[in-house]
Amino acid sequence: MRSKQFLMVFGVILVVLALIGFSDVLKQNDVLMFNRNENIVHLIVGALALVAYYFAKANLQKNLTLLAGVVALYFGVHGLFLSPT
């Protein structure tokens, strides 16, 4: 998957995930529970990814994709060590 495709696909996924989170559809689900702040971050990052998809040059798209991967890896590993309470 190229950087441009990554920005488009995951930008849409993050925006949709934020909108679902704001709509309280997943309140009964124990697996995907996001608070308001997480929904706001998902919406902002998803929107920025879509803006970069349409307007950024290829080199910037590549760097943004790398940055998104590093940040996602950090929060994924960090989340493994947090207690659920």
Protein backbone atom coordinates (compact mmCIF):
# COMPACT_ATOMS: atom_id res chain seq x y z
CA MET A 1 0.00 0.00 0.00
CA ARG A 2 1.41 3.35 -1.00
CA SER A 3 1.47 6.34 1.34
CA LYS A 4 -1.32 8.09 -0.54
CA GLN A 5 -3.56 5.02 -0.30
CA PHE A 6 -2.75 4.65 3.39
CA LEU A 7 -3.76 8.24 4.10
CA MET A 8 -7.05 7.85 2.27
CA VAL A 9 -8.04 4.47 3.73
CA PHE A 10 -7.07 5.14 7.32
CA GLY A 11 -8.31 8.73 7.18
CA VAL A 12 -11.77 7.46 6.26
CA ILE A 13 -11.59 4.70 8.89
CA LEU A 14 -10.64 7.17 11.64
CA VAL A 15 -13.37 9.67 10.68
CA VAL A 16 -16.01 6.92 10.58
CA LEU A 17 -14.76 5.51 13.90
CA ALA A 18 -14.99 8.97 15.48
CA LEU A 19 -18.50 9.53 14.17
CA ILE A 20 -19.61 6.13 15.47
CA GLY A 21 -18.04 6.96 18.82
CA PHE A 22 -19.86 10.29 18.99
CA SER A 23 -23.17 8.61 18.14
CA ASP A 24 -22.94 6.23 21.14
CA VAL A 25 -23.62 3.17 18.98
CA LEU A 26 -20.82 1.25 20.68
CA LYS A 27 -21.75 2.08 24.29
CA GLN A 28 -22.88 -1.53 24.86
CA ASN A 29 -19.66 -2.95 23.38
CA ASP A 30 -16.84 -3.76 25.80
CA VAL A 31 -14.22 -4.16 23.08
CA LEU A 32 -14.38 -0.73 21.43
CA MET A 33 -15.00 1.85 24.10
CA PHE A 34 -13.73 5.32 23.24
CA ASN A 35 -14.19 8.41 25.34
CA ARG A 36 -14.95 11.88 23.99
CA ASN A 37 -11.28 12.91 23.82
CA GLU A 38 -10.34 9.81 21.83
CA ASN A 39 -13.19 10.51 19.41
CA ILE A 40 -11.96 14.07 18.93
CA VAL A 41 -8.41 12.87 18.28
CA HIS A 42 -9.65 10.25 15.80
CA LEU A 43 -11.69 12.89 13.98
CA ILE A 44 -8.81 15.40 13.80
CA VAL A 45 -6.19 12.84 12.73
CA GLY A 46 -8.56 11.32 10.18
CA ALA A 47 -9.41 14.73 8.74
CA LEU A 48 -5.71 15.67 8.56
CA ALA A 49 -4.97 12.39 6.78
CA LEU A 50 -7.66 13.14 4.21
CA VAL A 51 -6.37 16.68 3.71
CA ALA A 52 -2.86 15.29 3.20
CA TYR A 53 -4.25 12.75 0.74
CA TYR A 54 -5.73 15.47 -1.44
CA PHE A 55 -3.26 18.33 -1.06
CA ALA A 56 0.16 17.17 0.16
CA LYS A 57 3.08 16.32 -2.09
CA ALA A 58 4.31 12.72 -2.27
CA ASN A 59 7.33 13.30 -0.02
CA LEU A 60 5.19 14.84 2.74
CA GLN A 61 2.66 12.02 2.40
CA LYS A 62 5.45 9.49 2.91
CA ASN A 63 6.71 11.28 6.03
CA LEU A 64 3.20 11.63 7.47
CA THR A 65 2.58 7.92 6.93
CA LEU A 66 5.81 7.07 8.73
CA LEU A 67 4.91 9.42 11.60
CA ALA A 68 1.42 7.90 11.86
CA GLY A 69 2.93 4.41 12.05
CA VAL A 70 5.40 5.36 14.78
CA VAL A 71 2.73 7.13 16.85
CA ALA A 72 0.26 4.25 16.42
CA LEU A 73 2.94 1.75 17.45
CA TYR A 74 3.74 3.81 20.54
CA PHE A 75 0.13 4.03 21.67
CA GLY A 76 -0.49 0.37 20.82
CA VAL A 77 2.42 -0.81 22.96
CA HIS A 78 1.62 1.74 25.67
CA GLY A 79 -1.99 0.51 25.76
CA LEU A 80 -0.85 -3.05 26.46
CA PHE A 81 0.62 -1.96 29.78
CA LEU A 82 -2.26 0.21 31.00
CA SER A 83 -4.71 -1.25 33.47
CA PRO A 84 -8.31 -1.43 32.22
CA THR A 85 -9.61 0.63 35.14
